């Protein structure tokens, strides 16, 4: 583990980012799937707050990813580098998806709601599927790299792997369940890092006192 400023803030970033991901995914479970109801929902305050919160959640998730990687960079090796880079790209794509949901979709519902009847298709559909695939597979790979590095508890790495993998399944609301699992895993990781840092600091102070 390095002693960079970001590394020292890794625990709170992971806890806050993970909690926000889990909370916004929970709220998103209530998004209606029927088109007319969806047109009304995207104009509500709930959608505005949750979608903007989702952008912030994935931005913090990217920071948490950097901070977490900082803890295991050396033992994670080449696989860790590849997984880290892929997960950053996947998270950026997903943040972009929620920017679209936060600002473009409500405007469309205001000025041309009829467009929403047939607007899912072509490059838009391909881009959405690509975002889910990149996010899910890259975070699953990061979970595998963490599992191999053996820096974090194996259960946390498995939770990251599972949450990432399920987050990439855009069938029904399956991806939201995956997001909740991933968010909880990051909160768990943050709590573990906080305890580990506190224990290391206590040991260091004890050695210095002698």
N, C-alpha and C. Protein backbone atom coordinates (compact mmCIF):
# COMPACT_ATOMS: atom_id res chain seq x y z
N UNK A 1 0.84 -1.20 0.00
CA UNK A 1 0.00 0.00 0.00
C UNK A 1 0.87 1.24 0.00
N UNK A 2 0.55 2.25 -0.80
CA UNK A 2 1.29 3.50 -0.83
C UNK A 2 0.73 4.44 0.21
N UNK A 3 1.45 5.55 0.42
CA UNK A 3 1.01 6.53 1.41
C UNK A 3 0.61 7.82 0.71
N UNK A 4 -0.01 7.70 -0.47
CA UNK A 4 -0.43 8.88 -1.21
C UNK A 4 -1.62 9.52 -0.51
N UNK A 5 -1.85 10.83 -0.73
CA UNK A 5 -3.01 11.49 -0.12
C UNK A 5 -4.33 10.79 -0.45
N UNK A 6 -4.48 10.34 -1.70
CA UNK A 6 -5.70 9.66 -2.09
C UNK A 6 -5.86 8.35 -1.33
N UNK A 7 -4.76 7.63 -1.14
CA UNK A 7 -4.81 6.37 -0.41
C UNK A 7 -5.29 6.58 1.01
N UNK A 8 -4.88 7.70 1.62
CA UNK A 8 -5.28 7.98 3.00
C UNK A 8 -6.78 8.25 3.11
N UNK A 9 -7.39 8.71 2.01
CA UNK A 9 -8.83 8.98 2.00
C UNK A 9 -9.62 7.86 1.33
N UNK A 10 -8.96 6.74 1.05
CA UNK A 10 -9.60 5.64 0.32
C UNK A 10 -10.84 5.13 1.04
N UNK A 11 -10.75 4.94 2.35
CA UNK A 11 -11.87 4.36 3.10
C UNK A 11 -13.14 5.20 3.02
N UNK A 12 -13.10 6.51 3.37
CA UNK A 12 -14.34 7.29 3.28
C UNK A 12 -14.87 7.44 1.86
N UNK A 13 -13.95 7.53 0.88
CA UNK A 13 -14.40 7.64 -0.52
C UNK A 13 -15.16 6.37 -0.92
N UNK A 14 -14.61 5.21 -0.57
CA UNK A 14 -15.26 3.94 -0.91
C UNK A 14 -16.59 3.80 -0.20
N UNK A 15 -16.66 4.21 1.06
CA UNK A 15 -17.90 4.09 1.83
C UNK A 15 -18.98 5.00 1.26
N UNK A 16 -18.64 6.27 1.04
CA UNK A 16 -19.64 7.23 0.53
C UNK A 16 -20.04 6.88 -0.90
N UNK A 17 -19.05 6.59 -1.74
CA UNK A 17 -19.35 6.24 -3.13
C UNK A 17 -20.17 4.97 -3.24
N UNK A 18 -19.78 3.95 -2.49
CA UNK A 18 -20.52 2.69 -2.51
C UNK A 18 -21.94 2.85 -2.00
N UNK A 19 -22.10 3.61 -0.92
CA UNK A 19 -23.44 3.83 -0.36
C UNK A 19 -24.33 4.57 -1.35
N UNK A 20 -23.76 5.57 -2.03
CA UNK A 20 -24.55 6.34 -3.00
C UNK A 20 -24.94 5.48 -4.20
N UNK A 21 -24.04 4.61 -4.64
CA UNK A 21 -24.38 3.69 -5.73
C UNK A 21 -25.53 2.78 -5.31
N UNK A 22 -25.43 2.20 -4.11
CA UNK A 22 -26.47 1.29 -3.64
C UNK A 22 -27.81 2.00 -3.48
N UNK A 23 -27.80 3.20 -2.90
CA UNK A 23 -29.04 3.94 -2.66
C UNK A 23 -29.72 4.33 -3.97
N UNK A 24 -28.93 4.86 -4.91
CA UNK A 24 -29.53 5.28 -6.19
C UNK A 24 -30.04 4.09 -6.99
N UNK A 25 -29.37 2.93 -6.86
CA UNK A 25 -29.89 1.73 -7.54
C UNK A 25 -31.20 1.27 -6.89
N UNK A 26 -31.27 1.37 -5.56
CA UNK A 26 -32.52 1.00 -4.87
C UNK A 26 -33.68 1.87 -5.34
N UNK A 27 -33.43 3.18 -5.43
CA UNK A 27 -34.48 4.10 -5.89
C UNK A 27 -34.87 3.77 -7.33
N UNK A 28 -33.88 3.42 -8.14
CA UNK A 28 -34.14 3.12 -9.56
C UNK A 28 -34.99 1.88 -9.75
N UNK A 29 -35.04 1.00 -8.75
CA UNK A 29 -35.89 -0.18 -8.84
C UNK A 29 -37.37 0.20 -8.99
N UNK A 30 -37.71 1.42 -8.53
CA UNK A 30 -39.10 1.87 -8.59
C UNK A 30 -39.45 2.55 -9.92
N UNK A 31 -38.49 2.68 -10.83
CA UNK A 31 -38.77 3.32 -12.12
C UNK A 31 -39.77 2.46 -12.90
N UNK A 32 -40.86 3.05 -13.35
CA UNK A 32 -41.86 2.26 -14.09
C UNK A 32 -41.33 1.79 -15.42
N UNK A 33 -41.81 0.64 -15.85
CA UNK A 33 -41.38 0.08 -17.14
C UNK A 33 -42.41 0.37 -18.25
N UNK A 34 -43.64 0.67 -17.86
CA UNK A 34 -44.68 1.01 -18.84
C UNK A 34 -44.38 2.39 -19.41
N UNK A 35 -44.41 2.54 -20.73
CA UNK A 35 -43.89 3.72 -21.41
C UNK A 35 -44.58 5.02 -20.98
N UNK A 36 -45.91 5.04 -20.92
CA UNK A 36 -46.61 6.27 -20.55
C UNK A 36 -46.26 6.70 -19.12
N UNK A 37 -46.19 5.74 -18.23
CA UNK A 37 -45.81 6.04 -16.85
C UNK A 37 -44.37 6.53 -16.77
N UNK A 38 -43.52 5.96 -17.62
CA UNK A 38 -42.12 6.36 -17.65
C UNK A 38 -41.97 7.81 -18.12
N UNK A 39 -42.76 8.20 -19.11
CA UNK A 39 -42.72 9.57 -19.61
C UNK A 39 -43.05 10.57 -18.51
N UNK A 40 -43.98 10.20 -17.65
CA UNK A 40 -44.35 11.07 -16.53
C UNK A 40 -43.28 11.04 -15.44
N UNK A 41 -42.73 9.86 -15.21
CA UNK A 41 -41.76 9.71 -14.13
C UNK A 41 -40.50 10.53 -14.37
N UNK A 42 -40.00 10.56 -15.61
CA UNK A 42 -38.74 11.25 -15.88
C UNK A 42 -38.85 12.77 -15.69
N UNK A 43 -40.06 13.26 -15.51
CA UNK A 43 -40.25 14.70 -15.26
C UNK A 43 -40.43 15.01 -13.78
N UNK A 44 -40.33 14.00 -12.94
CA UNK A 44 -40.54 14.19 -11.49
C UNK A 44 -39.24 14.63 -10.81
N UNK A 45 -39.43 15.20 -9.62
CA UNK A 45 -38.28 15.60 -8.80
C UNK A 45 -37.47 14.38 -8.37
N UNK A 46 -38.17 13.28 -8.11
CA UNK A 46 -37.49 12.04 -7.71
C UNK A 46 -36.48 11.60 -8.75
N UNK A 47 -36.92 11.62 -10.01
CA UNK A 47 -36.01 11.23 -11.09
C UNK A 47 -34.84 12.20 -11.20
N UNK A 48 -35.11 13.49 -11.08
CA UNK A 48 -34.05 14.49 -11.19
C UNK A 48 -32.99 14.28 -10.12
N UNK A 49 -33.43 14.11 -8.87
CA UNK A 49 -32.49 13.95 -7.76
C UNK A 49 -31.73 12.64 -7.89
N UNK A 50 -32.44 11.56 -8.21
CA UNK A 50 -31.79 10.25 -8.27
C UNK A 50 -30.84 10.12 -9.45
N UNK A 51 -31.20 10.69 -10.58
CA UNK A 51 -30.32 10.57 -11.75
C UNK A 51 -29.06 11.42 -11.58
N UNK A 52 -29.21 12.62 -11.01
CA UNK A 52 -28.03 13.44 -10.74
C UNK A 52 -27.19 12.78 -9.65
N UNK A 53 -27.87 12.20 -8.66
CA UNK A 53 -27.16 11.44 -7.63
C UNK A 53 -26.41 10.27 -8.22
N UNK A 54 -26.96 9.67 -9.28
CA UNK A 54 -26.30 8.55 -9.94
C UNK A 54 -25.01 8.99 -10.62
N UNK A 55 -25.03 10.17 -11.25
CA UNK A 55 -23.81 10.69 -11.87
C UNK A 55 -22.73 10.86 -10.81
N UNK A 56 -23.11 11.48 -9.68
CA UNK A 56 -22.17 11.67 -8.58
C UNK A 56 -21.70 10.33 -8.03
N UNK A 57 -22.61 9.37 -7.94
CA UNK A 57 -22.26 8.05 -7.41
C UNK A 57 -21.19 7.38 -8.25
N UNK A 58 -21.34 7.41 -9.56
CA UNK A 58 -20.36 6.76 -10.42
C UNK A 58 -19.05 7.55 -10.49
N UNK A 59 -19.13 8.87 -10.32
CA UNK A 59 -17.89 9.66 -10.24
C UNK A 59 -17.11 9.28 -8.99
N UNK A 60 -17.80 9.16 -7.86
CA UNK A 60 -17.14 8.74 -6.62
C UNK A 60 -16.66 7.31 -6.71
N UNK A 61 -17.40 6.48 -7.44
CA UNK A 61 -16.99 5.08 -7.63
C UNK A 61 -15.66 5.03 -8.38
N UNK A 62 -15.50 5.92 -9.36
CA UNK A 62 -14.22 5.97 -10.09
C UNK A 62 -13.08 6.36 -9.15
N UNK A 63 -13.33 7.35 -8.28
CA UNK A 63 -12.32 7.75 -7.30
C UNK A 63 -12.02 6.61 -6.34
N UNK A 64 -13.07 5.93 -5.89
CA UNK A 64 -12.89 4.80 -4.98
C UNK A 64 -12.08 3.70 -5.65
N UNK A 65 -12.29 3.51 -6.94
CA UNK A 65 -11.54 2.50 -7.69
C UNK A 65 -10.05 2.85 -7.70
N UNK A 66 -9.74 4.12 -7.96
CA UNK A 66 -8.34 4.56 -7.97
C UNK A 66 -7.71 4.33 -6.60
N UNK A 67 -8.45 4.72 -5.55
CA UNK A 67 -7.93 4.58 -4.19
C UNK A 67 -7.75 3.11 -3.81
N UNK A 68 -8.70 2.27 -4.22
CA UNK A 68 -8.60 0.84 -3.91
C UNK A 68 -7.43 0.21 -4.65
N UNK A 69 -7.26 0.57 -5.91
CA UNK A 69 -6.14 0.03 -6.70
C UNK A 69 -4.81 0.45 -6.09
N UNK A 70 -4.77 1.65 -5.52
CA UNK A 70 -3.57 2.15 -4.88
C UNK A 70 -3.10 1.21 -3.77
N UNK A 71 -4.04 0.51 -3.14
CA UNK A 71 -3.71 -0.42 -2.06
C UNK A 71 -3.11 -1.72 -2.57
N UNK A 72 -3.43 -2.12 -3.80
CA UNK A 72 -3.03 -3.45 -4.26
C UNK A 72 -2.28 -3.43 -5.58
N UNK A 73 -1.80 -2.27 -5.99
CA UNK A 73 -1.20 -2.13 -7.32
C UNK A 73 -0.06 -3.11 -7.55
N UNK A 74 0.88 -3.19 -6.63
CA UNK A 74 2.05 -4.04 -6.85
C UNK A 74 1.69 -5.53 -6.88
N UNK A 75 1.00 -6.06 -5.86
CA UNK A 75 0.67 -7.49 -5.90
C UNK A 75 -0.34 -7.86 -7.00
N UNK A 76 -1.14 -6.89 -7.45
CA UNK A 76 -2.13 -7.19 -8.50
C UNK A 76 -1.47 -7.41 -9.86
N UNK A 77 -0.27 -6.86 -10.04
CA UNK A 77 0.50 -7.09 -11.25
C UNK A 77 -0.16 -6.59 -12.53
N UNK A 78 0.16 -7.26 -13.63
CA UNK A 78 -0.34 -6.86 -14.95
C UNK A 78 -1.86 -6.97 -15.04
N UNK A 79 -2.42 -8.03 -14.49
CA UNK A 79 -3.86 -8.19 -14.52
C UNK A 79 -4.54 -7.04 -13.79
N UNK A 80 -3.94 -6.61 -12.71
CA UNK A 80 -4.49 -5.48 -11.96
C UNK A 80 -4.51 -4.21 -12.77
N UNK A 81 -3.44 -3.96 -13.53
CA UNK A 81 -3.37 -2.77 -14.37
C UNK A 81 -4.47 -2.80 -15.43
N UNK A 82 -4.61 -3.95 -16.10
CA UNK A 82 -5.63 -4.10 -17.15
C UNK A 82 -7.03 -3.95 -16.56
N UNK A 83 -7.28 -4.59 -15.43
CA UNK A 83 -8.59 -4.52 -14.79
C UNK A 83 -8.91 -3.11 -14.33
N UNK A 84 -7.92 -2.44 -13.76
CA UNK A 84 -8.11 -1.07 -13.29
C UNK A 84 -8.46 -0.13 -14.45
N UNK A 85 -7.67 -0.21 -15.52
CA UNK A 85 -7.93 0.64 -16.68
C UNK A 85 -9.29 0.37 -17.29
N UNK A 86 -9.65 -0.90 -17.40
CA UNK A 86 -10.95 -1.26 -17.98
C UNK A 86 -12.09 -0.76 -17.10
N UNK A 87 -11.95 -0.90 -15.78
CA UNK A 87 -13.01 -0.49 -14.87
C UNK A 87 -13.20 1.03 -14.87
N UNK A 88 -12.10 1.77 -15.02
CA UNK A 88 -12.21 3.23 -15.14
C UNK A 88 -13.02 3.59 -16.38
N UNK A 89 -12.68 2.96 -17.50
CA UNK A 89 -13.40 3.24 -18.76
C UNK A 89 -14.87 2.84 -18.63
N UNK A 90 -15.13 1.65 -18.06
CA UNK A 90 -16.50 1.21 -17.89
C UNK A 90 -17.31 2.13 -17.00
N UNK A 91 -16.69 2.64 -15.94
CA UNK A 91 -17.39 3.54 -15.03
C UNK A 91 -17.68 4.88 -15.69
N UNK A 92 -16.74 5.37 -16.50
CA UNK A 92 -16.96 6.61 -17.25
C UNK A 92 -18.13 6.45 -18.22
N UNK A 93 -18.18 5.32 -18.91
CA UNK A 93 -19.29 5.05 -19.83
C UNK A 93 -20.63 5.04 -19.07
N UNK A 94 -20.64 4.42 -17.89
CA UNK A 94 -21.89 4.33 -17.14
C UNK A 94 -22.30 5.70 -16.59
N UNK A 95 -21.34 6.51 -16.19
CA UNK A 95 -21.65 7.87 -15.74
C UNK A 95 -22.26 8.67 -16.90
N UNK A 96 -21.72 8.45 -18.10
CA UNK A 96 -22.28 9.11 -19.28
C UNK A 96 -23.71 8.68 -19.56
N UNK A 97 -23.98 7.40 -19.33
CA UNK A 97 -25.34 6.88 -19.50
C UNK A 97 -26.31 7.60 -18.57
N UNK A 98 -25.88 7.83 -17.33
CA UNK A 98 -26.76 8.49 -16.37
C UNK A 98 -26.84 10.00 -16.60
N UNK A 99 -25.82 10.60 -17.22
CA UNK A 99 -25.93 12.00 -17.63
C UNK A 99 -27.05 12.14 -18.66
N UNK A 100 -27.07 11.21 -19.58
CA UNK A 100 -28.13 11.19 -20.60
C UNK A 100 -29.50 11.04 -19.94
N UNK A 101 -29.58 10.13 -18.96
CA UNK A 101 -30.84 9.91 -18.26
C UNK A 101 -31.26 11.15 -17.47
N UNK A 102 -30.29 11.86 -16.91
CA UNK A 102 -30.58 13.00 -16.05
C UNK A 102 -31.03 14.23 -16.83
N UNK A 103 -30.43 14.46 -18.00
CA UNK A 103 -30.67 15.72 -18.69
C UNK A 103 -31.34 15.59 -20.06
N UNK A 104 -30.94 14.59 -20.85
CA UNK A 104 -31.49 14.47 -22.20
C UNK A 104 -32.90 13.88 -22.20
N UNK A 105 -33.11 12.81 -21.44
CA UNK A 105 -34.42 12.14 -21.45
C UNK A 105 -35.54 13.04 -20.94
N UNK A 106 -35.37 13.76 -19.82
CA UNK A 106 -36.45 14.65 -19.37
C UNK A 106 -36.78 15.74 -20.39
N UNK A 107 -35.77 16.28 -21.04
CA UNK A 107 -36.02 17.31 -22.05
C UNK A 107 -36.81 16.73 -23.22
N UNK A 108 -36.46 15.52 -23.60
CA UNK A 108 -37.18 14.85 -24.67
C UNK A 108 -38.63 14.62 -24.27
N UNK A 109 -38.86 14.22 -23.02
CA UNK A 109 -40.22 13.99 -22.54
C UNK A 109 -41.03 15.28 -22.50
N UNK A 110 -40.34 16.42 -22.33
CA UNK A 110 -41.03 17.72 -22.29
C UNK A 110 -41.45 18.19 -23.69
N UNK A 111 -40.52 18.14 -24.64
CA UNK A 111 -40.77 18.77 -25.94
C UNK A 111 -41.21 17.79 -27.03
N UNK A 112 -40.89 16.51 -26.90
CA UNK A 112 -41.26 15.53 -27.95
C UNK A 112 -41.47 14.16 -27.33
N UNK A 113 -42.46 14.03 -26.45
CA UNK A 113 -42.68 12.74 -25.78
C UNK A 113 -42.96 11.59 -26.74
N UNK A 114 -43.51 11.92 -27.92
CA UNK A 114 -43.82 10.86 -28.88
C UNK A 114 -42.56 10.18 -29.41
N UNK A 115 -41.44 10.89 -29.37
CA UNK A 115 -40.18 10.32 -29.84
C UNK A 115 -39.76 9.15 -28.97
N UNK A 116 -40.12 9.19 -27.71
CA UNK A 116 -39.72 8.14 -26.77
C UNK A 116 -40.35 6.79 -27.10
N UNK A 117 -41.39 6.81 -27.94
CA UNK A 117 -42.04 5.56 -28.31
C UNK A 117 -41.13 4.66 -29.14
N UNK A 118 -40.25 5.27 -29.92
CA UNK A 118 -39.41 4.47 -30.84
C UNK A 118 -37.93 4.87 -30.80
N UNK A 119 -37.51 5.67 -29.80
CA UNK A 119 -36.15 6.21 -29.85
C UNK A 119 -35.07 5.22 -29.41
N UNK A 120 -35.47 4.10 -28.78
CA UNK A 120 -34.48 3.11 -28.36
C UNK A 120 -34.17 2.19 -29.53
N UNK A 121 -33.00 2.38 -30.11
CA UNK A 121 -32.60 1.57 -31.25
C UNK A 121 -31.35 2.12 -31.87
N UNK A 122 -30.86 1.49 -32.91
CA UNK A 122 -29.70 1.98 -33.63
C UNK A 122 -28.47 2.13 -32.75
N UNK A 123 -27.72 3.24 -32.97
CA UNK A 123 -26.49 3.47 -32.22
C UNK A 123 -26.76 3.73 -30.74
N UNK A 124 -27.95 4.29 -30.43
CA UNK A 124 -28.29 4.53 -29.03
C UNK A 124 -28.36 3.22 -28.26
N UNK A 125 -29.03 2.24 -28.84
CA UNK A 125 -29.13 0.92 -28.20
C UNK A 125 -27.76 0.26 -28.11
N UNK A 126 -26.99 0.36 -29.18
CA UNK A 126 -25.65 -0.23 -29.17
C UNK A 126 -24.78 0.42 -28.10
N UNK A 127 -24.88 1.74 -27.98
CA UNK A 127 -24.09 2.45 -26.98
C UNK A 127 -24.50 2.07 -25.57
N UNK A 128 -25.80 1.91 -25.35
CA UNK A 128 -26.27 1.51 -24.03
C UNK A 128 -25.79 0.13 -23.65
N UNK A 129 -25.92 -0.81 -24.58
CA UNK A 129 -25.46 -2.18 -24.32
C UNK A 129 -23.95 -2.23 -24.10
N UNK A 130 -23.22 -1.42 -24.85
CA UNK A 130 -21.77 -1.37 -24.70
C UNK A 130 -21.40 -0.84 -23.31
N UNK A 131 -22.12 0.18 -22.85
CA UNK A 131 -21.86 0.75 -21.52
C UNK A 131 -22.05 -0.31 -20.43
N UNK A 132 -23.16 -1.04 -20.51
CA UNK A 132 -23.43 -2.09 -19.52
C UNK A 132 -22.36 -3.18 -19.57
N UNK A 133 -22.01 -3.60 -20.79
CA UNK A 133 -21.03 -4.67 -20.94
C UNK A 133 -19.67 -4.26 -20.41
N UNK A 134 -19.23 -3.06 -20.76
CA UNK A 134 -17.94 -2.57 -20.30
C UNK A 134 -17.91 -2.45 -18.77
N UNK A 135 -18.96 -1.87 -18.23
CA UNK A 135 -19.01 -1.68 -16.78
C UNK A 135 -19.00 -3.02 -16.06
N UNK A 136 -19.88 -3.91 -16.47
CA UNK A 136 -20.00 -5.19 -15.78
C UNK A 136 -18.76 -6.05 -15.88
N UNK A 137 -18.27 -6.24 -17.10
CA UNK A 137 -17.11 -7.11 -17.30
C UNK A 137 -15.84 -6.54 -16.68
N UNK A 138 -15.68 -5.21 -16.75
CA UNK A 138 -14.46 -4.60 -16.21
C UNK A 138 -14.42 -4.68 -14.69
N UNK A 139 -15.56 -4.47 -14.03
CA UNK A 139 -15.57 -4.58 -12.57
C UNK A 139 -15.44 -6.03 -12.13
N UNK A 140 -15.99 -6.94 -12.91
CA UNK A 140 -15.79 -8.36 -12.60
C UNK A 140 -14.31 -8.71 -12.70
N UNK A 141 -13.64 -8.17 -13.72
CA UNK A 141 -12.20 -8.41 -13.89
C UNK A 141 -11.42 -7.80 -12.73
N UNK A 142 -11.84 -6.63 -12.26
CA UNK A 142 -11.17 -6.02 -11.11
C UNK A 142 -11.35 -6.89 -9.87
N UNK A 143 -12.53 -7.48 -9.74
CA UNK A 143 -12.75 -8.39 -8.62
C UNK A 143 -11.83 -9.60 -8.69
N UNK A 144 -11.63 -10.12 -9.91
CA UNK A 144 -10.73 -11.26 -10.10
C UNK A 144 -9.29 -10.87 -9.76
N UNK A 145 -8.87 -9.68 -10.24
CA UNK A 145 -7.52 -9.20 -9.96
C UNK A 145 -7.31 -9.02 -8.46
N UNK A 146 -8.31 -8.50 -7.77
CA UNK A 146 -8.22 -8.31 -6.33
C UNK A 146 -8.16 -9.65 -5.60
N UNK A 147 -8.92 -10.60 -6.10
CA UNK A 147 -8.91 -11.94 -5.50
C UNK A 147 -7.53 -12.57 -5.63
N UNK A 148 -6.91 -12.40 -6.77
CA UNK A 148 -5.58 -12.96 -7.00
C UNK A 148 -4.50 -12.22 -6.20
N UNK A 149 -4.68 -10.92 -6.02
CA UNK A 149 -3.68 -10.12 -5.30
C UNK A 149 -3.66 -10.45 -3.81
N UNK A 150 -4.80 -10.89 -3.27
CA UNK A 150 -4.92 -11.29 -1.87
C UNK A 150 -4.57 -10.17 -0.88
N UNK A 151 -4.89 -8.94 -1.28
CA UNK A 151 -4.70 -7.80 -0.38
C UNK A 151 -5.97 -7.55 0.41
N UNK A 152 -7.10 -7.59 -0.27
CA UNK A 152 -8.40 -7.44 0.38
C UNK A 152 -8.92 -8.81 0.80
N UNK A 153 -9.83 -8.87 1.78
CA UNK A 153 -10.45 -10.15 2.12
C UNK A 153 -11.11 -10.78 0.90
N UNK A 154 -11.00 -12.08 0.78
CA UNK A 154 -11.52 -12.78 -0.40
C UNK A 154 -13.02 -12.54 -0.58
N UNK A 155 -13.77 -12.48 0.52
CA UNK A 155 -15.22 -12.29 0.43
C UNK A 155 -15.56 -10.95 -0.22
N UNK A 156 -14.78 -9.91 0.08
CA UNK A 156 -15.03 -8.60 -0.52
C UNK A 156 -14.72 -8.64 -2.01
N UNK A 157 -13.62 -9.28 -2.38
CA UNK A 157 -13.27 -9.39 -3.80
C UNK A 157 -14.33 -10.17 -4.57
N UNK A 158 -14.87 -11.22 -3.97
CA UNK A 158 -15.93 -12.01 -4.61
C UNK A 158 -17.19 -11.17 -4.76
N UNK A 159 -17.49 -10.33 -3.76
CA UNK A 159 -18.67 -9.46 -3.83
C UNK A 159 -18.51 -8.44 -4.96
N UNK A 160 -17.30 -7.89 -5.12
CA UNK A 160 -17.03 -6.96 -6.22
C UNK A 160 -17.19 -7.67 -7.56
N UNK A 161 -16.65 -8.86 -7.66
CA UNK A 161 -16.76 -9.67 -8.87
C UNK A 161 -18.21 -9.94 -9.21
N UNK A 162 -18.99 -10.37 -8.21
CA UNK A 162 -20.40 -10.71 -8.44
C UNK A 162 -21.21 -9.47 -8.80
N UNK A 163 -21.01 -8.39 -8.03
CA UNK A 163 -21.75 -7.16 -8.30
C UNK A 163 -21.44 -6.61 -9.67
N UNK A 164 -20.16 -6.65 -10.06
CA UNK A 164 -19.79 -6.17 -11.38
C UNK A 164 -20.42 -6.99 -12.48
N UNK A 165 -20.33 -8.29 -12.35
CA UNK A 165 -20.85 -9.18 -13.39
C UNK A 165 -22.36 -9.00 -13.59
N UNK A 166 -23.11 -8.96 -12.48
CA UNK A 166 -24.57 -8.82 -12.57
C UNK A 166 -24.95 -7.41 -13.05
N UNK A 167 -24.11 -6.41 -12.75
CA UNK A 167 -24.38 -5.04 -13.20
C UNK A 167 -24.35 -4.92 -14.72
N UNK A 168 -23.70 -5.86 -15.37
CA UNK A 168 -23.60 -5.80 -16.83
C UNK A 168 -24.69 -6.54 -17.56
N UNK A 169 -25.73 -7.00 -16.83
CA UNK A 169 -26.83 -7.73 -17.45
C UNK A 169 -28.04 -6.81 -17.60
N UNK A 170 -28.25 -6.20 -18.77
CA UNK A 170 -29.34 -5.23 -18.96
C UNK A 170 -30.68 -5.91 -19.26
N UNK A 171 -31.04 -6.90 -18.46
CA UNK A 171 -32.31 -7.60 -18.64
C UNK A 171 -33.21 -7.25 -17.47
N UNK A 172 -34.35 -6.62 -17.78
CA UNK A 172 -35.24 -6.19 -16.71
C UNK A 172 -34.50 -5.22 -15.79
N UNK A 173 -34.54 -5.51 -14.51
CA UNK A 173 -33.84 -4.68 -13.53
C UNK A 173 -32.70 -5.44 -12.85
N UNK A 174 -32.22 -6.47 -13.54
CA UNK A 174 -31.12 -7.28 -13.01
C UNK A 174 -29.89 -6.43 -12.73
N UNK A 175 -29.58 -5.52 -13.66
CA UNK A 175 -28.39 -4.68 -13.50
C UNK A 175 -28.45 -3.82 -12.24
N UNK A 176 -29.66 -3.46 -11.82
CA UNK A 176 -29.80 -2.66 -10.60
C UNK A 176 -29.45 -3.48 -9.37
N UNK A 177 -29.84 -4.75 -9.37
CA UNK A 177 -29.47 -5.65 -8.27
C UNK A 177 -27.95 -5.75 -8.20
N UNK A 178 -27.32 -5.90 -9.37
CA UNK A 178 -25.86 -5.95 -9.42
C UNK A 178 -25.24 -4.69 -8.87
N UNK A 179 -25.82 -3.54 -9.20
CA UNK A 179 -25.31 -2.27 -8.69
C UNK A 179 -25.41 -2.17 -7.18
N UNK A 180 -26.49 -2.69 -6.63
CA UNK A 180 -26.65 -2.69 -5.17
C UNK A 180 -25.57 -3.55 -4.53
N UNK A 181 -25.34 -4.73 -5.09
CA UNK A 181 -24.30 -5.63 -4.57
C UNK A 181 -22.93 -4.97 -4.65
N UNK A 182 -22.63 -4.33 -5.78
CA UNK A 182 -21.34 -3.66 -5.96
C UNK A 182 -21.19 -2.51 -4.97
N UNK A 183 -22.27 -1.73 -4.80
CA UNK A 183 -22.22 -0.62 -3.86
C UNK A 183 -21.95 -1.09 -2.44
N UNK A 184 -22.66 -2.14 -2.03
CA UNK A 184 -22.45 -2.70 -0.69
C UNK A 184 -21.03 -3.23 -0.55
N UNK A 185 -20.51 -3.86 -1.61
CA UNK A 185 -19.14 -4.38 -1.58
C UNK A 185 -18.14 -3.25 -1.37
N UNK A 186 -18.37 -2.10 -2.00
CA UNK A 186 -17.44 -0.97 -1.84
C UNK A 186 -17.55 -0.37 -0.44
N UNK A 187 -18.76 -0.33 0.12
CA UNK A 187 -18.90 0.12 1.52
C UNK A 187 -18.14 -0.83 2.45
N UNK A 188 -18.29 -2.10 2.19
CA UNK A 188 -17.61 -3.15 2.97
C UNK A 188 -16.09 -2.98 2.86
N UNK A 189 -15.62 -2.74 1.63
CA UNK A 189 -14.19 -2.53 1.41
C UNK A 189 -13.70 -1.29 2.15
N UNK A 190 -14.49 -0.21 2.08
CA UNK A 190 -14.12 1.01 2.78
C UNK A 190 -14.01 0.81 4.28
N UNK A 191 -14.97 0.07 4.85
CA UNK A 191 -14.95 -0.22 6.28
C UNK A 191 -13.72 -1.05 6.64
N UNK A 192 -13.40 -2.02 5.79
CA UNK A 192 -12.21 -2.86 6.03
C UNK A 192 -10.95 -2.02 5.98
N UNK A 193 -10.84 -1.14 4.97
CA UNK A 193 -9.65 -0.29 4.86
C UNK A 193 -9.53 0.65 6.05
N UNK A 194 -10.67 1.17 6.54
CA UNK A 194 -10.64 2.05 7.71
C UNK A 194 -10.11 1.31 8.93
N UNK A 195 -10.58 0.08 9.14
CA UNK A 195 -10.11 -0.70 10.28
C UNK A 195 -8.64 -1.05 10.15
N UNK A 196 -8.24 -1.44 8.92
CA UNK A 196 -6.85 -1.81 8.68
C UNK A 196 -5.92 -0.61 8.90
N UNK A 197 -6.32 0.55 8.39
CA UNK A 197 -5.51 1.76 8.55
C UNK A 197 -5.39 2.13 10.02
N UNK A 198 -6.51 2.03 10.75
CA UNK A 198 -6.50 2.36 12.17
C UNK A 198 -5.58 1.42 12.94
N UNK A 199 -5.65 0.12 12.60
CA UNK A 199 -4.82 -0.87 13.28
C UNK A 199 -3.34 -0.63 12.98
N UNK A 200 -3.02 -0.30 11.72
CA UNK A 200 -1.63 -0.03 11.33
C UNK A 200 -1.10 1.20 12.05
N UNK A 201 -1.93 2.23 12.14
CA UNK A 201 -1.53 3.46 12.82
C UNK A 201 -1.27 3.21 14.30
N UNK A 202 -2.13 2.40 14.92
CA UNK A 202 -1.96 2.08 16.34
C UNK A 202 -0.67 1.33 16.60
N UNK A 203 -0.38 0.35 15.72
CA UNK A 203 0.86 -0.42 15.85
C UNK A 203 2.08 0.49 15.66
N UNK A 204 2.00 1.39 14.68
CA UNK A 204 3.11 2.30 14.42
C UNK A 204 3.37 3.22 15.60
N UNK A 205 2.29 3.72 16.19
CA UNK A 205 2.44 4.61 17.35
C UNK A 205 3.03 3.86 18.54
N UNK A 206 2.65 2.59 18.70
CA UNK A 206 3.16 1.79 19.80
C UNK A 206 4.67 1.54 19.65
N UNK A 207 5.09 1.27 18.39
CA UNK A 207 6.51 1.06 18.11
C UNK A 207 7.32 2.32 18.39
N UNK A 208 6.76 3.47 17.96
CA UNK A 208 7.45 4.75 18.17
C UNK A 208 7.56 5.08 19.66
N UNK A 209 6.53 4.70 20.42
CA UNK A 209 6.53 4.99 21.86
C UNK A 209 7.63 4.23 22.59
N UNK A 210 8.02 3.09 22.07
CA UNK A 210 9.07 2.30 22.68
C UNK A 210 10.45 2.92 22.42
